[in-house]
Protein backbone atom coordinates (compact mmCIF):
# COMPACT_ATOMS: atom_id res chain seq x y z
CA MET A 1 -18.11 37.60 93.48
CA LYS A 2 -14.28 38.67 92.68
CA LEU A 3 -11.66 36.79 91.54
CA THR A 4 -8.42 35.88 92.17
CA ARG A 5 -5.77 35.72 89.90
CA SER A 6 -4.93 32.31 89.97
CA GLY A 7 -8.56 31.59 90.02
CA LYS A 8 -8.70 33.73 86.49
CA ILE A 9 -5.88 31.49 86.06
CA ALA A 10 -7.50 28.65 86.68
CA LEU A 11 -10.72 29.66 85.17
CA ILE A 12 -9.13 30.59 81.50
CA PHE A 13 -7.26 26.96 81.77
CA LEU A 14 -10.66 24.99 82.45
CA VAL A 15 -12.38 27.01 79.51
CA VAL A 16 -9.12 26.16 77.15
CA ILE A 17 -9.46 22.56 78.02
CA ILE A 18 -13.62 23.02 76.77
CA VAL A 19 -12.74 23.78 73.78
CA ALA A 20 -10.20 22.05 72.74
CA ALA A 21 -12.58 18.93 74.14
CA VAL A 22 -15.54 20.53 71.97
CA ILE A 23 -12.72 21.28 69.21
CA GLY A 24 -11.81 17.35 69.12
CA VAL A 25 -14.93 16.00 68.85
CA ILE A 26 -15.82 17.85 66.37
CA VAL A 27 -12.85 17.00 64.14
CA TYR A 28 -13.51 13.25 65.10
CA PHE A 29 -17.12 13.15 63.26
CA VAL A 30 -15.61 14.82 60.45
CA VAL A 31 -13.38 12.86 60.08
CA TYR A 32 -14.47 9.26 61.10
CA GLY A 33 -17.80 10.11 61.40
CA LYS A 34 -18.21 8.96 57.48
CA THR A 35 -19.14 4.88 57.51
CA PRO A 36 -18.70 4.28 54.10
CA PHE A 37 -21.29 1.57 52.43
CA TYR A 38 -21.43 -0.49 49.77
CA TYR A 39 -23.78 -2.03 47.92
CA HIS A 40 -23.58 -4.90 45.33
CA ILE A 41 -26.22 -4.76 42.63
CA SER A 42 -26.73 -6.68 39.24
CA PHE A 43 -29.30 -6.56 35.86
CA LYS A 44 -30.46 -7.67 32.80
CA LEU A 45 -29.61 -5.34 29.78
CA THR A 46 -32.35 -6.30 27.55
CA ASN A 47 -30.10 -4.42 24.15
CA VAL A 48 -26.71 -5.61 24.59
CA ASP A 49 -25.58 -8.65 23.28
CA TYR A 50 -23.00 -10.69 25.00
CA ASP A 51 -19.00 -10.54 23.76
CA SER A 52 -16.48 -12.29 25.26
CA LYS A 53 -14.44 -9.22 25.28
CA PHE A 54 -16.19 -7.94 27.93
CA HIS A 55 -14.40 -10.41 30.43
CA LYS A 56 -11.38 -8.42 28.93
CA PRO A 57 -11.28 -4.99 31.50
CA TYR A 58 -8.84 -3.56 29.14
CA SER A 59 -10.90 -4.04 26.20
CA GLN A 60 -12.66 -0.77 24.93
CA GLU A 61 -16.14 -2.82 24.66
CA TYR A 62 -15.68 -3.09 28.56
CA ILE A 63 -14.32 0.13 28.87
CA ASP A 64 -17.75 1.49 26.44
CA LEU A 65 -20.29 -0.43 28.88
CA ASN A 66 -18.76 0.65 31.73
CA GLU A 67 -18.59 4.17 31.45
CA ARG A 68 -22.90 3.54 30.33
CA ILE A 69 -23.58 2.10 33.17
CA VAL A 70 -21.55 4.52 35.38
CA SER A 71 -23.15 7.25 34.03
CA LEU A 72 -26.53 6.12 34.31
CA MET A 73 -25.52 5.74 38.49
CA ASN A 74 -24.09 8.84 38.41
CA LYS A 75 -27.00 10.82 37.14
CA THR A 76 -29.23 8.48 39.58
CA PHE A 77 -27.62 9.87 43.05
CA GLN A 78 -26.76 13.11 41.62
CA ALA A 79 -30.54 14.04 40.96
CA SER A 80 -31.62 12.37 44.55
CA LYS A 81 -30.93 13.00 48.09
CA LEU A 82 -27.90 10.85 48.74
CA ARG A 83 -26.31 13.60 45.83
CA ARG A 84 -23.60 14.30 49.01
CA GLN A 85 -23.69 10.51 49.99
CA TYR A 86 -22.62 9.04 46.53
CA VAL A 87 -19.02 8.13 45.83
CA ILE A 88 -18.30 5.89 42.95
CA SER A 89 -19.91 2.87 41.41
CA HIS A 90 -17.75 0.76 38.78
CA VAL A 91 -18.75 -2.57 36.58
CA ALA A 92 -17.39 -5.22 38.41
CA LYS A 93 -18.27 -7.71 36.19
CA VAL A 94 -20.27 -8.48 32.58
CA ARG A 95 -22.03 -12.53 33.12
CA GLN A 96 -23.94 -13.50 30.21
CA ALA A 97 -27.37 -14.48 30.14
CA ASN A 98 -28.47 -16.12 26.56
CA SER A 99 -27.35 -13.80 24.68
CA LYS A 100 -27.87 -10.88 26.46
CA VAL A 101 -25.94 -9.79 29.54
CA ILE A 102 -26.28 -9.11 32.82
CA VAL A 103 -24.12 -6.67 35.13
CA ASP A 104 -23.10 -6.91 38.52
CA VAL A 105 -21.91 -3.32 40.07
CA VAL A 106 -20.40 -2.15 42.90
CA LEU A 107 -21.57 1.55 44.54
CA LYS A 108 -19.90 3.70 47.41
CA PHE A 109 -21.70 6.00 49.44
CA LYS A 110 -20.44 7.97 52.66
CA SER A 111 -23.22 8.28 55.16
CA CYS A 112 -23.50 10.63 58.23
CA TYR A 113 -21.83 8.45 61.68
CA ASN A 114 -25.89 8.87 63.11
CA ASN A 115 -27.39 7.54 60.17
CA ASN A 116 -29.37 4.43 60.48
CA ALA A 117 -27.66 1.82 57.89
CA ALA A 118 -31.00 -0.06 57.31
CA ARG A 119 -32.71 3.11 56.14
CA PHE A 120 -29.84 4.37 53.90
CA ARG A 121 -29.40 0.80 52.23
CA ASP A 122 -33.63 1.17 51.61
CA ARG A 123 -33.72 4.62 50.92
CA THR A 124 -30.69 3.88 48.07
CA ARG A 125 -32.20 0.52 46.92
CA ASN A 126 -35.40 2.79 46.09
CA ILE A 127 -33.98 5.09 43.83
CA LEU A 128 -32.12 3.17 41.83
CA LEU A 129 -35.47 0.66 41.55
CA GLN A 130 -37.44 3.85 40.44
CA LYS A 131 -35.25 5.17 38.09
CA LEU A 132 -34.43 1.47 36.44
CA MET A 133 -38.58 1.27 35.85
CA GLY A 134 -38.22 4.59 34.52
CA ASP A 135 -35.95 6.30 31.54
CA THR A 136 -32.81 4.65 31.55
CA GLY A 137 -31.81 6.46 28.48
CA SER A 138 -29.78 4.22 26.05
CA LEU A 139 -30.04 1.15 28.13
CA CYS A 140 -32.92 -0.68 28.37
CA ILE A 141 -33.20 -3.05 31.90
CA ASP A 142 -34.71 -5.57 32.82
CA SER A 143 -36.36 -4.35 36.03
CA SER A 144 -37.79 -7.84 37.63
CA SER A 145 -33.55 -8.70 37.10
CA PHE A 146 -32.74 -6.54 39.97
CA LYS A 147 -31.04 -7.49 42.64
CA PHE A 148 -29.33 -5.44 45.87
CA SER A 149 -27.57 -6.36 48.44
CA ASP A 150 -24.71 -5.22 50.95
CA ILE A 151 -21.25 -6.29 50.60
CA ASP A 152 -18.01 -5.84 53.03
CA MET A 153 -15.74 -2.66 52.61
CA ASP A 154 -12.68 -5.27 51.58
CA ALA A 155 -14.53 -7.40 48.93
CA ALA A 156 -16.33 -3.88 47.64
CA GLU A 157 -12.44 -2.04 47.19
CA ASN A 158 -11.34 -5.38 45.99
CA LEU A 159 -14.42 -5.07 42.85
CA LEU A 160 -13.74 -1.25 42.94
CA ASN A 161 -10.32 -1.64 41.86
CA ILE A 162 -10.03 -4.83 39.42
CA CYS A 163 -9.37 -2.90 36.40
CA CYS A 164 -5.85 -4.24 35.35
CA GLY A 165 -2.99 -1.33 34.55
CA ARG A 166 -5.06 1.31 36.26
CA ARG A 167 -2.95 4.10 38.67
CA THR A 168 -3.72 6.12 41.22
CA LYS A 169 -0.63 8.20 40.93
CA VAL A 170 1.72 9.65 38.52
CA SER A 171 5.29 11.39 39.44
CA PRO A 172 7.62 12.93 36.95
CA GLY A 173 11.23 10.86 36.50
CA ASN A 174 13.51 8.95 34.19
CA LYS A 175 16.47 6.67 36.00
CA ILE A 176 15.96 3.74 37.49
CA VAL A 177 20.33 3.17 37.82
CA GLY A 178 21.19 6.20 39.53
CA GLY A 179 17.99 6.39 41.47
CA LEU A 180 14.35 8.19 41.43
CA ASP A 181 12.17 8.22 43.79
CA SER A 182 8.65 6.80 42.92
CA VAL A 183 5.14 7.84 44.83
CA GLU A 184 2.59 5.44 47.07
CA GLY A 185 0.75 3.77 44.08
CA GLU A 186 2.36 5.15 41.18
CA TRP A 187 3.22 1.07 40.03
CA PRO A 188 0.89 -0.42 41.52
CA TRP A 189 1.76 -4.01 40.91
CA GLN A 190 4.88 -4.23 41.97
CA ALA A 191 5.62 -6.75 44.25
CA SER A 192 8.71 -7.33 46.44
CA LEU A 193 9.73 -11.37 46.24
CA GLN A 194 12.23 -12.08 49.53
CA GLN A 195 14.14 -15.04 50.73
CA ASN A 196 13.91 -15.29 54.65
CA ASN A 197 12.56 -11.75 54.98
CA ILE A 198 15.22 -10.56 52.60
CA HIS A 199 14.44 -8.58 49.33
CA ARG A 200 16.05 -10.43 46.44
CA CYS A 201 14.43 -10.33 43.08
CA GLY A 202 11.62 -8.56 42.13
CA ALA A 203 7.67 -9.65 40.56
CA THR A 204 4.38 -8.17 39.12
CA LEU A 205 1.05 -8.93 40.21
CA ILE A 206 -1.02 -10.30 37.56
CA ASN A 207 -4.15 -11.39 39.46
CA ASN A 208 -5.32 -12.57 43.17
CA ASN A 209 -3.46 -15.24 43.33
CA TRP A 210 -0.38 -15.24 41.32
CA LEU A 211 2.77 -12.88 40.18
CA LEU A 212 5.01 -13.08 37.73
CA THR A 213 8.98 -13.33 37.76
CA ALA A 214 12.38 -14.31 36.77
CA ALA A 215 13.04 -18.38 37.04
CA HIS A 216 16.53 -17.26 37.49
CA CYS A 217 15.39 -16.51 41.24
CA PHE A 218 15.26 -19.83 42.25
CA VAL A 219 17.82 -21.18 41.24
CA ASN A 220 19.48 -22.00 44.49
CA ALA A 221 16.00 -21.78 46.58
CA LYS A 222 13.22 -23.49 45.14
CA ASP A 223 11.33 -24.25 48.57
CA PRO A 224 8.31 -22.02 48.51
CA ARG A 225 8.47 -21.87 52.42
CA GLU A 226 11.61 -19.63 52.19
CA TRP A 227 10.02 -17.05 49.97
CA SER A 228 7.35 -14.15 51.04
CA VAL A 229 5.99 -11.67 49.15
CA THR A 230 5.56 -7.54 50.15
CA PHE A 231 3.76 -4.54 48.61
CA GLY A 232 3.88 -1.32 48.98
CA PHE A 233 6.79 1.42 47.68
CA LEU A 234 8.63 0.90 50.81
CA LEU A 235 10.58 -2.31 51.64
CA SER A 236 10.87 -0.90 54.92
CA ASP A 237 7.35 -0.05 55.71
CA PRO A 238 5.15 -2.77 53.07
CA LYS A 239 1.46 -2.21 53.06
CA LEU A 240 0.68 -6.11 52.82
CA LYS A 241 2.87 -9.65 53.26
CA ARG A 242 1.86 -13.72 51.57
CA SER A 243 3.43 -16.58 52.14
CA VAL A 244 4.14 -18.51 48.94
CA LYS A 245 1.80 -21.61 48.29
CA ASN A 246 3.98 -22.85 45.09
CA ILE A 247 6.85 -21.25 42.86
CA ILE A 248 6.56 -22.87 38.97
CA VAL A 249 10.01 -22.32 37.08
CA HIS A 250 9.45 -22.65 33.12
CA GLU A 251 10.13 -26.22 32.23
CA LYS A 252 12.42 -25.52 29.65
CA TYR A 253 14.70 -23.09 31.88
CA LYS A 254 18.50 -24.37 32.48
CA TYR A 255 20.57 -22.32 34.20
CA PRO A 256 22.72 -20.46 33.67
CA SER A 257 21.08 -20.12 30.27
CA HIS A 258 18.93 -16.81 29.52
CA ASP A 259 16.54 -19.01 27.43
CA HIS A 260 13.03 -19.15 28.58
CA ASP A 261 14.29 -16.96 32.08
CA ILE A 262 10.31 -17.08 33.22
CA ALA A 263 7.96 -18.17 36.68
CA ILE A 264 5.10 -18.26 38.29
CA VAL A 265 4.52 -17.42 42.01
CA ASN A 266 1.14 -18.87 43.45
CA LEU A 267 0.12 -16.59 46.40
CA SER A 268 -1.05 -18.30 49.50
CA LYS A 269 -4.07 -16.13 50.26
CA PRO A 270 -5.19 -13.76 47.39
CA VAL A 271 -4.15 -10.37 47.50
CA LEU A 272 -7.48 -8.28 47.33
CA TYR A 273 -7.07 -5.01 45.34
CA THR A 274 -6.42 -1.18 46.57
CA THR A 275 -6.02 1.73 45.34
CA ASN A 276 -2.74 1.23 45.54
CA ILE A 277 -2.72 -2.29 44.86
CA ARG A 278 -3.68 -3.62 41.66
CA LYS A 279 -3.10 -5.74 38.70
CA VAL A 280 -0.77 -4.91 35.87
CA CYS A 281 -2.44 -6.35 32.34
CA LEU A 282 -1.46 -9.11 30.39
CA PRO A 283 -0.99 -8.53 26.80
CA GLU A 284 -2.58 -11.13 24.20
CA ALA A 285 0.32 -13.36 22.55
CA ASN A 286 -0.26 -10.99 18.95
CA TYR A 287 0.33 -7.76 20.83
CA ASN A 288 2.98 -5.51 19.31
CA PHE A 289 5.39 -3.80 21.29
CA PRO A 290 6.60 -1.58 18.59
CA ALA A 291 10.34 -0.93 18.70
CA ASN A 292 11.55 2.82 20.11
CA SER A 293 8.37 2.39 22.05
CA ASP A 294 8.34 4.42 25.84
CA VAL A 295 8.36 1.39 28.58
CA VAL A 296 9.33 1.72 31.98
CA VAL A 297 11.49 -0.24 34.62
CA THR A 298 10.66 -0.37 38.21
CA GLY A 299 12.59 -2.25 41.17
CA TRP A 300 14.60 -1.89 44.43
CA GLY A 301 17.11 -2.95 42.81
CA SER A 302 20.65 -1.01 43.20
CA ARG A 303 21.57 2.57 41.57
CA LYS A 304 24.71 1.16 39.96
CA THR A 305 26.82 -1.96 39.44
CA ASP A 306 27.97 -3.91 43.05
CA GLY A 307 26.16 -0.81 44.47
CA THR A 308 23.74 -0.57 47.60
CA SER A 309 20.09 -1.42 47.15
CA PRO A 310 17.21 1.67 47.72
CA ASP A 311 14.16 1.33 50.41
CA VAL A 312 12.12 3.79 47.93
CA LEU A 313 10.56 1.90 44.43
CA GLN A 314 12.84 2.69 42.15
CA LYS A 315 11.43 4.14 37.81
CA GLY A 316 13.02 4.58 34.47
CA ILE A 317 12.07 5.49 31.56
CA MET A 318 13.12 3.64 28.38
CA LYS A 319 12.94 2.77 24.64
CA ILE A 320 12.62 -0.91 23.60
CA ILE A 321 15.15 -1.76 21.18
CA ASP A 322 14.67 -3.77 17.95
CA THR A 323 16.18 -7.25 17.79
CA VAL A 324 18.34 -6.72 15.31
CA THR A 325 19.92 -3.81 16.70
CA CYS A 326 20.11 -5.73 19.33
CA ASN A 327 22.18 -8.56 18.14
CA ASN A 328 24.65 -6.63 16.52
CA LYS A 329 28.09 -7.95 17.10
CA GLU A 330 28.95 -4.56 19.04
CA VAL A 331 25.96 -5.05 21.49
CA TYR A 332 24.91 -8.85 22.21
CA ASP A 333 26.47 -10.46 18.98
CA SER A 334 23.05 -12.38 18.01
CA HIS A 335 22.20 -13.46 21.49
CA ILE A 336 19.19 -11.94 21.53
CA LYS A 337 16.55 -15.23 21.09
CA ASN A 338 12.64 -15.00 20.40
CA GLY A 339 11.60 -14.79 23.73
CA MET A 340 13.74 -11.95 24.46
CA LEU A 341 13.88 -7.58 23.94
CA CYS A 342 16.34 -4.95 24.71
CA ALA A 343 14.66 -2.21 26.42
CA GLY A 344 17.05 0.95 27.54
CA PHE A 345 19.59 2.86 25.34
CA LEU A 346 22.81 2.25 23.39
CA GLN A 347 24.61 5.43 24.90
CA GLY A 348 23.79 3.60 28.63
CA ARG A 349 22.29 6.21 31.18
CA VAL A 350 19.00 4.26 32.43
CA ASP A 351 18.83 0.42 33.07
CA ALA A 352 17.56 -2.06 35.79
CA CYS A 353 20.66 -3.58 38.21
CA GLN A 354 20.93 -6.12 40.50
CA GLY A 355 18.14 -6.95 42.66
CA ASP A 356 15.19 -5.63 39.92
CA SER A 357 15.56 -9.25 38.36
CA GLY A 358 12.12 -10.80 37.54
CA GLY A 359 10.35 -6.79 38.03
CA PRO A 360 8.25 -5.60 35.60
CA LEU A 361 9.05 -3.86 32.13
CA VAL A 362 5.33 -1.75 30.71
CA SER A 363 3.97 0.28 28.65
CA SER A 364 0.94 2.49 28.17
CA ASP A 365 -1.17 2.27 25.44
CA SER A 366 -3.59 5.74 24.15
CA ARG A 367 -6.07 5.51 26.75
CA GLY A 368 -2.94 4.97 29.92
CA ILE A 369 -3.54 1.56 30.18
CA TRP A 370 -0.38 -0.25 31.68
CA PHE A 371 0.61 -3.74 29.60
CA LEU A 372 3.27 -6.20 31.36
CA VAL A 373 5.62 -6.15 28.37
CA GLY A 374 8.82 -8.12 29.73
CA VAL A 375 10.18 -9.57 32.93
CA VAL A 376 14.18 -8.10 33.98
CA SER A 377 16.74 -10.74 32.95
CA TRP A 378 20.07 -10.31 32.16
CA GLY A 379 22.58 -8.01 30.93
CA GLU A 380 26.22 -7.24 31.26
CA GLU A 381 26.75 -4.81 33.72
CA CYS A 382 24.14 -1.73 34.83
CA ALA A 383 23.73 1.08 32.38
CA LEU A 384 26.79 0.23 30.09
CA PRO A 385 27.30 1.94 26.36
CA ASN A 386 25.90 -1.31 24.09
CA LYS A 387 24.54 -3.05 26.67
CA PRO A 388 20.59 -2.75 27.31
CA GLY A 389 18.91 -4.37 30.01
CA VAL A 390 17.35 -8.10 27.99
CA TYR A 391 13.92 -9.15 29.15
CA THR A 392 11.72 -11.90 28.69
CA ARG A 393 9.75 -11.24 25.98
CA VAL A 394 5.80 -11.64 27.96
CA THR A 395 3.94 -11.87 24.50
CA TYR A 396 6.20 -14.86 23.44
CA TYR A 397 4.89 -17.18 26.55
CA ARG A 398 1.73 -15.42 27.19
CA ASN A 399 0.49 -19.20 26.64
CA TRP A 400 2.58 -20.69 28.69
CA ILE A 401 1.08 -18.62 31.80
CA THR A 402 -2.65 -19.37 30.43
CA SER A 403 -1.81 -22.96 30.73
CA LYS A 404 -0.62 -22.81 34.45
CA THR A 405 -2.66 -20.06 35.48
CA GLY A 406 -6.05 -20.14 33.79
CA LEU A 407 -5.30 -15.91 33.16
């Protein structure tokens, strides 16, 4: 049969539609056809003595133990038929069992869309159990203590991202006044404290339920019902929002004094950690951040005195300035108290500004773990010579934070 010109065009059009549909189906299954599976496992280690430092996810003891467990999981699954499905594992908790420990581990897998979930689960459990009953290297594992269960995605991702002070993204830059954008996930503990849905102050996530900020943010508004908190590096497009259950202002804070400028915000509902929402590490009371150390301040404050505020989270790299220098007559003339610290440059250039109040000043250790050094508190205008930013010193108030939060 001979096709007419219009028939040929119709046939070509039909073929194009069919090809496009096939490509669409293929793309769908490539992109969406992998269903993450998460499992929670636990087992007892008979050759690891319990140490209270295991409760601190930034401690070297916890990091070393996590690396040993993760190495065992990696070797187990990378040598198995599930090597292409295995994604990651992480020690979520270390518990005491007499003088030894029980570790709780989260496992993440990707699986083809048509795999049977129950079958996949059984294969995973059997591979693990077989390994734990055999050669486990330097770890002595009581295989009879082994437990295995499913865990839902949100709870699992929360545990996979439970370590404090870790970032997923890094970008260069060294200014906040003058404006330098952060990228999503670069400062995952940063929050926007909003009064009637308008950004007023910054805040720092210190665990699932609590944020740290400045007391002066609440001078004219102490009712928690007026406040909410958003997470995400764009004010216009927050990734998560929470209402506020309670606001705890330091008992000795008296406006307009700058002393004891610290407050804690209790969220009405816990935040579950993700790759882009994480907590910062709180330093111990005796932790030392030396003068001239690099620190980073972040916030959505204005780029200059009385200027407009950006939509994108800003950042600035600065130096800690020793208190003796900051108390010089030409700087702050003895107004820097023990609960305060200065950061910036005596030449000016980089500083926090209006709208950054309550936000974090952070510093990383040699392992790349970030600790909360200070809370944006006060200063004379923004980025003026001899007028660096003044921050509430977190180590000074560490015991107070513990008394209110248990952290």
